[in-house]
Amino acid sequence: MSNKIMVWDFPTRTFHWLLALSFVGAFITGDSERYRDIHLLLGYTMIGLIGFRLIWGIVGTRYARFNTFWFKPSAIASYVRSMFQGKPQHYVGHNPAGSVAIFLLLGLGLLSGLSGLAIYNEIGGEWLEGLHELSANAMLAVVIVHIVGVFVSSFLHRENLARAMITGTKSGGPAEGIQQRHAWLGLLLLATVVVTAYAYLYKDWAPPGLTPLSQQPVATEKRKHDD
């Protein structure tokens, strides 16, 4: 008999939604000179979030650790076949297809963020700008496929996987659940992102490698116009 068990700890869920919001915001503001500062901030946020996730993937709770969803190609192919047959294999944590999307999103997000910072600091040339745009577009494609996959998997498994990433709970046996939610760490991660954004936008502070808004010509001109 299956019960509702805790699978996703709070830091994992917080990371998931913050990364999603950061990427969407960064992608939307990517071609806007007016919102360049927001784009830079969101890119920096993505790098920080992914850095946290890489660490949490090693020391985190059971289903957050990379070794629990590092599947061989044969396991991934087997899962995809079971999906097409309408009888998908059940995994309490990330399924093989989802794991591929996660690793791609982490890699592409890091590549996009770091290349963007390099361009901002005038490192590299047109090839780096092309790489930045390519990695961002590739990440968008993976996001779309991932979302479609979540809906399909939710339908076939008869379990709302998106809601599970909000509540942290899924169906499973009592022994399969995690014991600690680490809510304090998730709240600390959220607070760090919020405080950093506030300090950058309103307190004239900038993370390493970025310029405070008051020292940026576009931002200064905009402030004068607003006054």
C-alpha atoms as a PDB file:
ATOM      1  CA  MET A   1       0.000   0.000   0.000  1.00  0.00           C
ATOM      2  CA  SER A   2       1.403   3.406  -1.000  1.00  0.00           C
ATOM      3  CA  ASN A   3       1.271   6.430   1.235  1.00  0.00           C
ATOM      4  CA  LYS A   4       2.262  10.047   0.844  1.00  0.00           C
ATOM      5  CA  ILE A   5       5.921  10.322   1.738  1.00  0.00           C
ATOM      6  CA  MET A   6       8.403  13.209   1.730  1.00  0.00           C
ATOM      7  CA  VAL A   7      10.712  12.932  -1.287  1.00  0.00           C
ATOM      8  CA  TRP A   8      11.895  16.444  -2.152  1.00  0.00           C
ATOM      9  CA  ASP A   9      13.506  18.441   0.641  1.00  0.00           C
ATOM     10  CA  PHE A  10      12.877  22.167   0.899  1.00  0.00           C
ATOM     11  CA  PRO A  11      16.257  23.317  -0.502  1.00  0.00           C
ATOM     12  CA  THR A  12      15.742  21.182  -3.622  1.00  0.00           C
ATOM     13  CA  ARG A  13      12.276  22.612  -4.191  1.00  0.00           C
ATOM     14  CA  THR A  14      13.447  26.165  -3.530  1.00  0.00           C
ATOM     15  CA  PHE A  15      16.313  25.744  -5.982  1.00  0.00           C
ATOM     16  CA  HIS A  16      14.001  24.288  -8.628  1.00  0.00           C
ATOM     17  CA  TRP A  17      11.554  27.185  -8.681  1.00  0.00           C
ATOM     18  CA  LEU A  18      14.157  29.918  -8.220  1.00  0.00           C
ATOM     19  CA  LEU A  19      16.163  28.557 -11.148  1.00  0.00           C
ATOM     20  CA  ALA A  20      13.033  28.369 -13.297  1.00  0.00           C
ATOM     21  CA  LEU A  21      12.081  31.976 -12.508  1.00  0.00           C
ATOM     22  CA  SER A  22      15.646  33.214 -12.970  1.00  0.00           C
ATOM     23  CA  PHE A  23      16.019  31.555 -16.347  1.00  0.00           C
ATOM     24  CA  VAL A  24      12.664  32.779 -17.656  1.00  0.00           C
ATOM     25  CA  GLY A  25      13.441  36.314 -16.496  1.00  0.00           C
ATOM     26  CA  ALA A  26      16.959  36.226 -17.945  1.00  0.00           C
ATOM     27  CA  PHE A  27      15.717  34.881 -21.273  1.00  0.00           C
ATOM     28  CA  ILE A  28      13.005  37.538 -21.557  1.00  0.00           C
ATOM     29  CA  THR A  29      15.388  40.398 -20.748  1.00  0.00           C
ATOM     30  CA  GLY A  30      18.271  39.055 -22.844  1.00  0.00           C
ATOM     31  CA  ASP A  31      17.769  41.396 -25.804  1.00  0.00           C
ATOM     32  CA  SER A  32      16.706  44.467 -23.826  1.00  0.00           C
ATOM     33  CA  GLU A  33      19.196  47.244 -23.116  1.00  0.00           C
ATOM     34  CA  ARG A  34      16.694  48.813 -20.740  1.00  0.00           C
ATOM     35  CA  TYR A  35      16.622  45.708 -18.543  1.00  0.00           C
ATOM     36  CA  ARG A  36      20.281  44.845 -18.928  1.00  0.00           C
ATOM     37  CA  ASP A  37      20.896  45.161 -15.195  1.00  0.00           C
ATOM     38  CA  ILE A  38      18.059  42.772 -14.416  1.00  0.00           C
ATOM     39  CA  HIS A  39      19.430  40.337 -16.982  1.00  0.00           C
ATOM     40  CA  LEU A  40      22.877  40.470 -15.382  1.00  0.00           C
ATOM     41  CA  LEU A  41      21.448  39.986 -11.909  1.00  0.00           C
ATOM     42  CA  LEU A  42      19.387  36.986 -12.998  1.00  0.00           C
ATOM     43  CA  GLY A  43      22.387  35.455 -14.753  1.00  0.00           C
ATOM     44  CA  TYR A  44      24.467  35.846 -11.643  1.00  0.00           C
ATOM     45  CA  THR A  45      21.625  34.326  -9.614  1.00  0.00           C
ATOM     46  CA  MET A  46      21.530  31.303 -11.911  1.00  0.00           C
ATOM     47  CA  ILE A  47      25.237  30.692 -11.436  1.00  0.00           C
ATOM     48  CA  GLY A  48      24.894  30.922  -7.667  1.00  0.00           C
ATOM     49  CA  LEU A  49      21.888  28.604  -7.612  1.00  0.00           C
ATOM     50  CA  ILE A  50      23.599  25.997  -9.768  1.00  0.00           C
ATOM     51  CA  GLY A  51      26.688  26.217  -7.579  1.00  0.00           C
ATOM     52  CA  PHE A  52      24.510  25.458  -4.579  1.00  0.00           C
ATOM     53  CA  ARG A  53      22.814  22.568  -6.377  1.00  0.00           C
ATOM     54  CA  LEU A  54      26.136  20.998  -7.302  1.00  0.00           C
ATOM     55  CA  ILE A  55      27.091  20.935  -3.639  1.00  0.00           C
ATOM     56  CA  TRP A  56      23.640  19.776  -2.523  1.00  0.00           C
ATOM     57  CA  GLY A  57      23.808  17.016  -5.112  1.00  0.00           C
ATOM     58  CA  ILE A  58      26.695  15.564  -3.135  1.00  0.00           C
ATOM     59  CA  VAL A  59      25.750  16.222   0.497  1.00  0.00           C
ATOM     60  CA  GLY A  60      21.971  16.610   0.256  1.00  0.00           C
ATOM     61  CA  THR A  61      19.154  14.261   1.155  1.00  0.00           C
ATOM     62  CA  ARG A  62      18.587  10.915  -0.540  1.00  0.00           C
ATOM     63  CA  TYR A  63      16.752  11.933  -3.703  1.00  0.00           C
ATOM     64  CA  ALA A  64      18.634  15.200  -4.113  1.00  0.00           C
ATOM     65  CA  ARG A  65      21.982  13.422  -4.448  1.00  0.00           C
ATOM     66  CA  PHE A  66      23.280  12.852  -7.963  1.00  0.00           C
ATOM     67  CA  ASN A  67      24.177   9.226  -7.303  1.00  0.00           C
ATOM     68  CA  THR A  68      20.478   8.395  -6.917  1.00  0.00           C
ATOM     69  CA  PHE A  69      19.610   9.536 -10.437  1.00  0.00           C
ATOM     70  CA  TRP A  70      22.763   8.805 -12.404  1.00  0.00           C
ATOM     71  CA  PHE A  71      21.426   6.210 -14.833  1.00  0.00           C
ATOM     72  CA  LYS A  72      23.149   4.157 -17.503  1.00  0.00           C
ATOM     73  CA  PRO A  73      22.057   4.712 -21.143  1.00  0.00           C
ATOM     74  CA  SER A  74      20.360   1.296 -21.104  1.00  0.00           C
ATOM     75  CA  ALA A  75      18.206   2.332 -18.130  1.00  0.00           C
ATOM     76  CA  ILE A  76      17.242   5.574 -19.867  1.00  0.00           C
ATOM     77  CA  ALA A  77      16.311   3.721 -23.070  1.00  0.00           C
ATOM     78  CA  SER A  78      14.314   1.164 -21.079  1.00  0.00           C
ATOM     79  CA  TYR A  79      12.365   3.901 -19.332  1.00  0.00           C
ATOM     80  CA  VAL A  80      11.599   5.724 -22.576  1.00  0.00           C
ATOM     81  CA  ARG A  81      10.337   2.464 -24.109  1.00  0.00           C
ATOM     82  CA  SER A  82       8.088   1.880 -21.112  1.00  0.00           C
ATOM     83  CA  MET A  83       6.685   5.393 -21.588  1.00  0.00           C
ATOM     84  CA  PHE A  84       5.773   4.715 -25.220  1.00  0.00           C
ATOM     85  CA  GLN A  85       4.187   1.437 -24.175  1.00  0.00           C
ATOM     86  CA  GLY A  86       1.958   3.333 -21.758  1.00  0.00           C
ATOM     87  CA  LYS A  87       3.336   1.470 -18.734  1.00  0.00           C
ATOM     88  CA  PRO A  88       6.171   3.646 -17.425  1.00  0.00           C
ATOM     89  CA  GLN A  89       8.496   2.295 -14.783  1.00  0.00           C
ATOM     90  CA  HIS A  90       7.932   3.980 -11.433  1.00  0.00           C
ATOM     91  CA  TYR A  91      10.679   5.835  -9.597  1.00  0.00           C
ATOM     92  CA  VAL A  92      10.218   7.520  -6.242  1.00  0.00           C
ATOM     93  CA  GLY A  93      12.873  10.106  -7.070  1.00  0.00           C
ATOM     94  CA  HIS A  94      13.885  11.375 -10.492  1.00  0.00           C
ATOM     95  CA  ASN A  95      13.152   8.995 -13.347  1.00  0.00           C
ATOM     96  CA  PRO A  96      15.852   8.359 -15.996  1.00  0.00           C
ATOM     97  CA  ALA A  97      14.352  10.755 -18.553  1.00  0.00           C
ATOM     98  CA  GLY A  98      14.011  13.488 -15.957  1.00  0.00           C
ATOM     99  CA  SER A  99      17.598  12.957 -14.838  1.00  0.00           C
ATOM    100  CA  VAL A 100      18.854  13.676 -18.355  1.00  0.00           C
ATOM    101  CA  ALA A 101      16.929  16.960 -18.374  1.00  0.00           C
ATOM    102  CA  ILE A 102      18.330  17.916 -14.970  1.00  0.00           C
ATOM    103  CA  PHE A 103      21.959  17.383 -15.937  1.00  0.00           C
ATOM    104  CA  LEU A 104      21.427  19.223 -19.211  1.00  0.00           C
ATOM    105  CA  LEU A 105      19.786  22.157 -17.444  1.00  0.00           C
ATOM    106  CA  LEU A 106      22.598  22.391 -14.904  1.00  0.00           C
ATOM    107  CA  GLY A 107      25.274  22.246 -17.581  1.00  0.00           C
ATOM    108  CA  LEU A 108      23.603  24.622 -20.003  1.00  0.00           C
ATOM    109  CA  GLY A 109      22.629  27.025 -17.230  1.00  0.00           C
ATOM    110  CA  LEU A 110      26.199  27.186 -15.991  1.00  0.00           C
ATOM    111  CA  LEU A 111      27.558  27.606 -19.522  1.00  0.00           C
ATOM    112  CA  SER A 112      25.054  30.342 -20.315  1.00  0.00           C
ATOM    113  CA  GLY A 113      25.672  32.208 -17.073  1.00  0.00           C
ATOM    114  CA  LEU A 114      29.459  32.063 -17.173  1.00  0.00           C
ATOM    115  CA  SER A 115      29.647  33.012 -20.851  1.00  0.00           C
ATOM    116  CA  GLY A 116      27.310  35.936 -20.151  1.00  0.00           C
ATOM    117  CA  LEU A 117      29.545  37.191 -17.341  1.00  0.00           C
ATOM    118  CA  ALA A 118      32.592  36.838 -19.576  1.00  0.00           C
ATOM    119  CA  ILE A 119      30.902  38.907 -22.291  1.00  0.00           C
ATOM    120  CA  TYR A 120      29.924  41.568 -19.742  1.00  0.00           C
ATOM    121  CA  ASN A 121      33.550  41.794 -18.624  1.00  0.00           C
ATOM    122  CA  GLU A 122      34.690  42.017 -22.272  1.00  0.00           C
ATOM    123  CA  ILE A 123      36.327  38.607 -22.298  1.00  0.00           C
ATOM    124  CA  GLY A 124      36.158  36.688 -25.568  1.00  0.00           C
ATOM    125  CA  GLY A 125      34.575  37.886 -28.770  1.00  0.00           C
ATOM    126  CA  GLU A 126      31.747  37.120 -31.146  1.00  0.00           C
ATOM    127  CA  TRP A 127      32.266  33.384 -30.739  1.00  0.00           C
ATOM    128  CA  LEU A 128      31.505  33.718 -27.021  1.00  0.00           C
ATOM    129  CA  GLU A 129      28.370  35.733 -27.751  1.00  0.00           C
ATOM    130  CA  GLY A 130      27.300  32.976 -30.117  1.00  0.00           C
ATOM    131  CA  LEU A 131      27.978  30.357 -27.462  1.00  0.00           C
ATOM    132  CA  HIS A 132      25.972  32.353 -24.916  1.00  0.00           C
ATOM    133  CA  GLU A 133      22.982  32.622 -27.244  1.00  0.00           C
ATOM    134  CA  LEU A 134      23.235  28.979 -28.315  1.00  0.00           C
ATOM    135  CA  SER A 135      23.383  27.691 -24.738  1.00  0.00           C
ATOM    136  CA  ALA A 136      20.416  29.866 -23.703  1.00  0.00           C
ATOM    137  CA  ASN A 137      18.313  28.654 -26.643  1.00  0.00           C
ATOM    138  CA  ALA A 138      19.315  25.056 -25.983  1.00  0.00           C
ATOM    139  CA  MET A 139      18.325  25.462 -22.342  1.00  0.00           C
ATOM    140  CA  LEU A 140      14.938  26.821 -23.395  1.00  0.00           C
ATOM    141  CA  ALA A 141      14.430  23.790 -25.627  1.00  0.00           C
ATOM    142  CA  VAL A 142      15.307  21.439 -22.757  1.00  0.00           C
ATOM    143  CA  VAL A 143      12.926  23.323 -20.460  1.00  0.00           C
ATOM    144  CA  ILE A 144      10.070  22.908 -22.948  1.00  0.00           C
ATOM    145  CA  VAL A 145      10.781  19.196 -23.414  1.00  0.00           C
ATOM    146  CA  HIS A 146      11.053  18.800 -19.644  1.00  0.00           C
ATOM    147  CA  ILE A 147       7.678  20.460 -19.066  1.00  0.00           C
ATOM    148  CA  VAL A 148       6.039  18.267 -21.710  1.00  0.00           C
ATOM    149  CA  GLY A 149       7.676  15.230 -20.140  1.00  0.00           C
ATOM    150  CA  VAL A 150       6.340  16.162 -16.700  1.00  0.00           C
ATOM    151  CA  PHE A 151       2.796  16.421 -18.040  1.00  0.00           C
ATOM    152  CA  VAL A 152       3.050  13.126 -19.920  1.00  0.00           C
ATOM    153  CA  SER A 153       4.614  11.343 -16.963  1.00  0.00           C
ATOM    154  CA  SER A 154       2.017  12.777 -14.601  1.00  0.00           C
ATOM    155  CA  PHE A 155      -0.750  11.448 -16.843  1.00  0.00           C
ATOM    156  CA  LEU A 156       0.767   7.996 -17.255  1.00  0.00           C
ATOM    157  CA  HIS A 157       1.742   7.636 -13.598  1.00  0.00           C
ATOM    158  CA  ARG A 158      -1.513   9.236 -12.441  1.00  0.00           C
ATOM    159  CA  GLU A 159       0.521  11.393 -10.105  1.00  0.00           C
ATOM    160  CA  ASN A 160       0.954  15.171 -10.265  1.00  0.00           C
ATOM    161  CA  LEU A 161       4.735  15.521 -10.519  1.00  0.00           C
ATOM    162  CA  ALA A 162       4.659  19.324 -10.688  1.00  0.00           C
ATOM    163  CA  ARG A 163       2.653  19.491  -7.479  1.00  0.00           C
ATOM    164  CA  ALA A 164       5.119  17.086  -5.886  1.00  0.00           C
ATOM    165  CA  MET A 165       7.868  19.648  -6.485  1.00  0.00           C
ATOM    166  CA  ILE A 166       5.738  22.141  -4.538  1.00  0.00           C
ATOM    167  CA  THR A 167       4.609  19.951  -1.648  1.00  0.00           C
ATOM    168  CA  GLY A 168       7.643  17.664  -1.638  1.00  0.00           C
ATOM    169  CA  THR A 169       5.474  14.555  -1.323  1.00  0.00           C
ATOM    170  CA  LYS A 170       4.865  11.594  -3.625  1.00  0.00           C
ATOM    171  CA  SER A 171       3.388   8.131  -3.334  1.00  0.00           C
ATOM    172  CA  GLY A 172       5.612   5.426  -1.881  1.00  0.00           C
ATOM    173  CA  GLY A 173       6.334   3.115   0.980  1.00  0.00           C
ATOM    174  CA  PRO A 174       7.162   4.490   4.447  1.00  0.00           C
ATOM    175  CA  ALA A 175      10.775   3.322   4.209  1.00  0.00           C
ATOM    176  CA  GLU A 176      11.278   5.234   0.942  1.00  0.00           C
ATOM    177  CA  GLY A 177      10.667   8.707   2.365  1.00  0.00           C
ATOM    178  CA  ILE A 178      13.303  11.130   3.608  1.00  0.00           C
ATOM    179  CA  GLN A 179      13.377  12.110   7.269  1.00  0.00           C
ATOM    180  CA  GLN A 180      14.685  15.677   7.146  1.00  0.00           C
ATOM    181  CA  ARG A 181      13.262  18.526   5.087  1.00  0.00           C
ATOM    182  CA  HIS A 182      16.021  21.054   5.892  1.00  0.00           C
ATOM    183  CA  ALA A 183      13.514  23.904   5.760  1.00  0.00           C
ATOM    184  CA  TRP A 184      16.042  26.284   7.326  1.00  0.00           C
ATOM    185  CA  LEU A 185      18.451  25.786   4.412  1.00  0.00           C
ATOM    186  CA  GLY A 186      15.737  26.342   1.822  1.00  0.00           C
ATOM    187  CA  LEU A 187      14.705  29.559   3.569  1.00  0.00           C
ATOM    188  CA  LEU A 188      18.343  30.651   3.763  1.00  0.00           C
ATOM    189  CA  LEU A 189      18.750  30.048   0.033  1.00  0.00           C
ATOM    190  CA  LEU A 190      15.611  32.061  -0.714  1.00  0.00           C
ATOM    191  CA  ALA A 191      16.674  34.877   1.622  1.00  0.00           C
ATOM    192  CA  THR A 192      20.130  35.031   0.023  1.00  0.00           C
ATOM    193  CA  VAL A 193      18.635  35.475  -3.445  1.00  0.00           C
ATOM    194  CA  VAL A 194      16.143  38.109  -2.265  1.00  0.00           C
ATOM    195  CA  VAL A 195      18.668  40.094  -0.216  1.00  0.00           C
ATOM    196  CA  THR A 196      21.237  40.009  -3.033  1.00  0.00           C
ATOM    197  CA  ALA A 197      18.667  41.293  -5.539  1.00  0.00           C
ATOM    198  CA  TYR A 198      17.535  44.037  -3.144  1.00  0.00           C
ATOM    199  CA  ALA A 199      21.094  45.135  -2.383  1.00  0.00           C
ATOM    200  CA  TYR A 200      22.008  45.252  -6.068  1.00  0.00           C
ATOM    201  CA  LEU A 201      18.894  47.088  -7.207  1.00  0.00           C
ATOM    202  CA  TYR A 202      18.411  49.501  -4.315  1.00  0.00           C
ATOM    203  CA  LYS A 203      21.557  49.680  -2.155  1.00  0.00           C
ATOM    204  CA  ASP A 204      24.224  50.322  -4.783  1.00  0.00           C
ATOM    205  CA  TRP A 205      25.988  47.018  -4.151  1.00  0.00           C
ATOM    206  CA  ALA A 206      27.207  44.620  -6.812  1.00  0.00           C
ATOM    207  CA  PRO A 207      28.396  41.012  -6.677  1.00  0.00           C
ATOM    208  CA  PRO A 208      32.016  40.404  -7.751  1.00  0.00           C
ATOM    209  CA  GLY A 209      32.397  41.046 -11.465  1.00  0.00           C
ATOM    210  CA  LEU A 210      29.398  43.370 -11.772  1.00  0.00           C
ATOM    211  CA  THR A 211      29.171  47.158 -11.578  1.00  0.00           C
ATOM    212  CA  PRO A 212      26.847  48.979  -9.155  1.00  0.00           C
ATOM    213  CA  LEU A 213      23.855  50.511 -10.883  1.00  0.00           C
ATOM    214  CA  SER A 214      24.928  54.084 -10.099  1.00  0.00           C
ATOM    215  CA  GLN A 215      28.168  53.521 -12.018  1.00  0.00           C
ATOM    216  CA  GLN A 216      26.454  52.170 -15.132  1.00  0.00           C
ATOM    217  CA  PRO A 217      25.659  54.837 -17.785  1.00  0.00           C
ATOM    218  CA  VAL A 218      22.322  53.294 -18.763  1.00  0.00           C
ATOM    219  CA  ALA A 219      21.191  52.970 -15.158  1.00  0.00           C
ATOM    220  CA  THR A 220      22.334  56.529 -14.296  1.00  0.00           C
ATOM    221  CA  GLU A 221      20.540  57.980 -17.313  1.00  0.00           C
ATOM    222  CA  LYS A 222      17.385  56.095 -16.415  1.00  0.00           C
ATOM    223  CA  ARG A 223      17.526  57.391 -12.817  1.00  0.00           C
ATOM    224  CA  LYS A 224      17.844  60.969 -14.019  1.00  0.00           C
ATOM    225  CA  HIS A 225      14.936  60.475 -16.376  1.00  0.00           C
ATOM    226  CA  ASP A 226      12.824  59.032 -13.562  1.00  0.00           C
ATOM    227  CA  ASP A 227      13.665  61.995 -11.309  1.00  0.00           C
END
